[in-house]
C-alpha atoms as a PDB file:
ATOM      1  CA  GLN A   1     -38.627 -14.212  49.068  1.00  0.00           C
ATOM      2  CA  VAL A   2     -39.664 -10.920  51.431  1.00  0.00           C
ATOM      3  CA  GLN A   3     -40.480  -7.609  49.832  1.00  0.00           C
ATOM      4  CA  LEU A   4     -40.465  -4.480  51.365  1.00  0.00           C
ATOM      5  CA  VAL A   5     -41.255  -1.563  49.293  1.00  0.00           C
ATOM      6  CA  GLU A   6     -41.406   2.186  50.993  1.00  0.00           C
ATOM      7  CA  SER A   7     -42.940   4.595  48.987  1.00  0.00           C
ATOM      8  CA  GLY A   8     -43.859   8.677  49.941  1.00  0.00           C
ATOM      9  CA  GLY A   9     -41.017  10.436  50.913  1.00  0.00           C
ATOM     10  CA  GLY A  10     -40.002  13.806  48.981  1.00  0.00           C
ATOM     11  CA  LEU A  11     -39.182  17.498  50.087  1.00  0.00           C
ATOM     12  CA  VAL A  12     -41.014  19.144  52.676  1.00  0.00           C
ATOM     13  CA  GLN A  13     -41.030  22.562  54.482  1.00  0.00           C
ATOM     14  CA  PRO A  14     -40.358  22.428  57.788  1.00  0.00           C
ATOM     15  CA  GLY A  15     -43.662  22.489  60.002  1.00  0.00           C
ATOM     16  CA  GLY A  16     -44.872  20.642  57.264  1.00  0.00           C
ATOM     17  CA  SER A  17     -46.401  17.183  56.833  1.00  0.00           C
ATOM     18  CA  LEU A  18     -45.376  13.678  55.259  1.00  0.00           C
ATOM     19  CA  ARG A  19     -46.698  10.101  54.939  1.00  0.00           C
ATOM     20  CA  LEU A  20     -44.667   7.390  54.204  1.00  0.00           C
ATOM     21  CA  SER A  21     -46.067   3.904  53.204  1.00  0.00           C
ATOM     22  CA  CYS A  22     -44.365   0.437  53.176  1.00  0.00           C
ATOM     23  CA  ALA A  23     -46.012  -2.187  51.153  1.00  0.00           C
ATOM     24  CA  ALA A  24     -44.893  -5.730  52.445  1.00  0.00           C
ATOM     25  CA  SER A  25     -44.819  -9.360  50.749  1.00  0.00           C
ATOM     26  CA  GLY A  26     -43.712 -12.797  51.397  1.00  0.00           C
ATOM     27  CA  ILE A  27     -44.696 -13.141  54.913  1.00  0.00           C
ATOM     28  CA  ILE A  28     -47.999 -13.199  56.911  1.00  0.00           C
ATOM     29  CA  PHE A  29     -48.145  -9.787  57.489  1.00  0.00           C
ATOM     30  CA  SER A  30     -50.811  -9.388  59.668  1.00  0.00           C
ATOM     31  CA  ILE A  31     -49.319 -12.012  62.702  1.00  0.00           C
ATOM     32  CA  ASN A  32     -45.713  -9.707  62.384  1.00  0.00           C
ATOM     33  CA  THR A  33     -44.840  -6.729  64.171  1.00  0.00           C
ATOM     34  CA  MET A  34     -43.321  -4.309  61.303  1.00  0.00           C
ATOM     35  CA  ALA A  35     -41.081  -1.100  62.443  1.00  0.00           C
ATOM     36  CA  TRP A  36     -40.031   1.906  60.538  1.00  0.00           C
ATOM     37  CA  TYR A  37     -35.877   2.960  60.714  1.00  0.00           C
ATOM     38  CA  ARG A  38     -34.617   5.867  59.542  1.00  0.00           C
ATOM     39  CA  GLN A  39     -30.826   6.572  58.352  1.00  0.00           C
ATOM     40  CA  ALA A  40     -29.476   9.936  57.930  1.00  0.00           C
ATOM     41  CA  PRO A  41     -26.295  11.128  56.237  1.00  0.00           C
ATOM     42  CA  GLY A  42     -23.187   9.867  58.423  1.00  0.00           C
ATOM     43  CA  LYS A  43     -25.394   8.157  61.468  1.00  0.00           C
ATOM     44  CA  GLN A  44     -26.296   4.800  62.092  1.00  0.00           C
ATOM     45  CA  ARG A  45     -29.889   3.619  61.322  1.00  0.00           C
ATOM     46  CA  GLU A  46     -32.383   3.972  63.955  1.00  0.00           C
ATOM     47  CA  LEU A  47     -35.412   2.935  65.248  1.00  0.00           C
ATOM     48  CA  VAL A  48     -38.380   5.092  64.790  1.00  0.00           C
ATOM     49  CA  ALA A  49     -41.730   3.390  65.719  1.00  0.00           C
ATOM     50  CA  THR A  50     -42.778  -0.103  65.380  1.00  0.00           C
ATOM     51  CA  ILE A  51     -46.652  -2.090  65.674  1.00  0.00           C
ATOM     52  CA  THR A  52     -47.830  -5.061  66.805  1.00  0.00           C
ATOM     53  CA  SER A  53     -49.810  -7.247  65.148  1.00  0.00           C
ATOM     54  CA  GLY A  54     -52.377  -6.390  68.016  1.00  0.00           C
ATOM     55  CA  GLY A  55     -52.084  -2.694  67.059  1.00  0.00           C
ATOM     56  CA  SER A  56     -50.027  -1.597  70.149  1.00  0.00           C
ATOM     57  CA  THR A  57     -47.228   1.129  68.986  1.00  0.00           C
ATOM     58  CA  ASN A  58     -44.038   2.565  70.431  1.00  0.00           C
ATOM     59  CA  TYR A  59     -42.120   5.480  69.200  1.00  0.00           C
ATOM     60  CA  ALA A  60     -38.732   6.827  69.888  1.00  0.00           C
ATOM     61  CA  ASP A  61     -38.315   9.211  72.397  1.00  0.00           C
ATOM     62  CA  SER A  62     -36.866  11.879  70.519  1.00  0.00           C
ATOM     63  CA  LEU A  63     -40.574  11.916  68.101  1.00  0.00           C
ATOM     64  CA  LYS A  64     -42.002  13.507  71.379  1.00  0.00           C
ATOM     65  CA  GLY A  65     -45.235  12.583  69.745  1.00  0.00           C
ATOM     66  CA  ARG A  66     -44.906  13.784  66.124  1.00  0.00           C
ATOM     67  CA  PHE A  67     -44.772  10.472  64.272  1.00  0.00           C
ATOM     68  CA  THR A  68     -47.812   8.077  64.111  1.00  0.00           C
ATOM     69  CA  ILE A  69     -47.500   4.341  62.984  1.00  0.00           C
ATOM     70  CA  SER A  70     -50.487   2.445  61.943  1.00  0.00           C
ATOM     71  CA  ARG A  71     -50.892  -0.330  59.732  1.00  0.00           C
ATOM     72  CA  ASP A  72     -53.992  -2.216  57.332  1.00  0.00           C
ATOM     73  CA  ASN A  73     -53.659  -5.466  57.250  1.00  0.00           C
ATOM     74  CA  ALA A  74     -55.944  -6.128  53.722  1.00  0.00           C
ATOM     75  CA  LYS A  75     -53.480  -3.895  51.992  1.00  0.00           C
ATOM     76  CA  ASN A  76     -50.436  -6.105  53.448  1.00  0.00           C
ATOM     77  CA  THR A  77     -49.125  -1.808  54.326  1.00  0.00           C
ATOM     78  CA  VAL A  78     -47.638  -0.364  57.163  1.00  0.00           C
ATOM     79  CA  TYR A  79     -47.603   3.735  57.823  1.00  0.00           C
ATOM     80  CA  LEU A  80     -45.949   6.320  59.004  1.00  0.00           C
ATOM     81  CA  GLN A  81     -47.483  10.043  59.641  1.00  0.00           C
ATOM     82  CA  MET A  82     -45.461  12.459  60.266  1.00  0.00           C
ATOM     83  CA  ASN A  83     -46.152  16.034  61.529  1.00  0.00           C
ATOM     84  CA  SER A  84     -44.364  18.898  62.619  1.00  0.00           C
ATOM     85  CA  LEU A  85     -40.854  17.654  60.552  1.00  0.00           C
ATOM     86  CA  LYS A  86     -37.626  19.829  61.533  1.00  0.00           C
ATOM     87  CA  PRO A  87     -34.570  19.558  59.326  1.00  0.00           C
ATOM     88  CA  GLU A  88     -33.267  16.796  61.687  1.00  0.00           C
ATOM     89  CA  ASP A  89     -36.062  14.405  60.445  1.00  0.00           C
ATOM     90  CA  THR A  90     -34.112  14.399  56.791  1.00  0.00           C
ATOM     91  CA  ALA A  91     -33.112  10.851  56.252  1.00  0.00           C
ATOM     92  CA  VAL A  92     -33.881   7.256  54.182  1.00  0.00           C
ATOM     93  CA  TYR A  93     -37.034   5.728  55.808  1.00  0.00           C
ATOM     94  CA  TYR A  94     -37.273   2.225  55.913  1.00  0.00           C
ATOM     95  CA  CYS A  95     -39.834  -0.665  56.832  1.00  0.00           C
ATOM     96  CA  ASN A  96     -38.930  -4.094  58.326  1.00  0.00           C
ATOM     97  CA  VAL A  97     -40.025  -6.916  59.907  1.00  0.00           C
ATOM     98  CA  PRO A  98     -38.107  -6.909  63.217  1.00  0.00           C
ATOM     99  CA  THR A  99     -38.215 -10.901  64.175  1.00  0.00           C
ATOM    100  CA  ALA A 100     -34.940 -13.315  63.916  1.00  0.00           C
ATOM    101  CA  GLY A 101     -36.369 -14.874  60.311  1.00  0.00           C
ATOM    102  CA  TYR A 102     -36.799 -11.418  58.608  1.00  0.00           C
ATOM    103  CA  ARG A 103     -34.974  -8.407  59.978  1.00  0.00           C
ATOM    104  CA  SER A 104     -32.124  -8.819  57.737  1.00  0.00           C
ATOM    105  CA  TYR A 105     -34.061  -7.837  54.813  1.00  0.00           C
ATOM    106  CA  TRP A 106     -34.873  -4.093  53.549  1.00  0.00           C
ATOM    107  CA  GLY A 107     -36.588  -1.933  50.844  1.00  0.00           C
ATOM    108  CA  GLN A 108     -34.843   0.518  48.887  1.00  0.00           C
ATOM    109  CA  GLY A 109     -36.043   3.102  51.654  1.00  0.00           C
ATOM    110  CA  THR A 110     -37.682   6.635  50.601  1.00  0.00           C
ATOM    111  CA  GLN A 111     -35.984   9.978  51.085  1.00  0.00           C
ATOM    112  CA  VAL A 112     -37.364  12.667  53.001  1.00  0.00           C
ATOM    113  CA  THR A 113     -35.773  15.998  52.842  1.00  0.00           C
ATOM    114  CA  VAL A 114     -36.995  19.003  55.196  1.00  0.00           C
ATOM    115  CA  SER A 115     -35.970  21.701  53.971  1.00  0.00           C
ATOM    116  CA  SER A 116     -36.560  25.532  53.519  1.00  0.00           C
END
């Protein structure tokens, strides 16, 4: 019973910031790599960032350092700090456990809209 609950999305002005959270249950959170994905209207779901159990991170090149992924194992939560937001960042953001046993599980996602 893997459960992923994303939150923190909303409407923000271009250049603004937003912090997303994903609470996970049904997994041993501390030993799993976590990931953030996003899906814009009419586009495929794309990988945004990953963070390993040891804290190593990777980001989509197009983000150019604007986003930061982090985790709090005590809270079974992964975060995505988004800065200098652009209209093209508008999408539904999802977290995921990118392993064979769990990658098919998705939460409801959280909507991020960047608009003036």
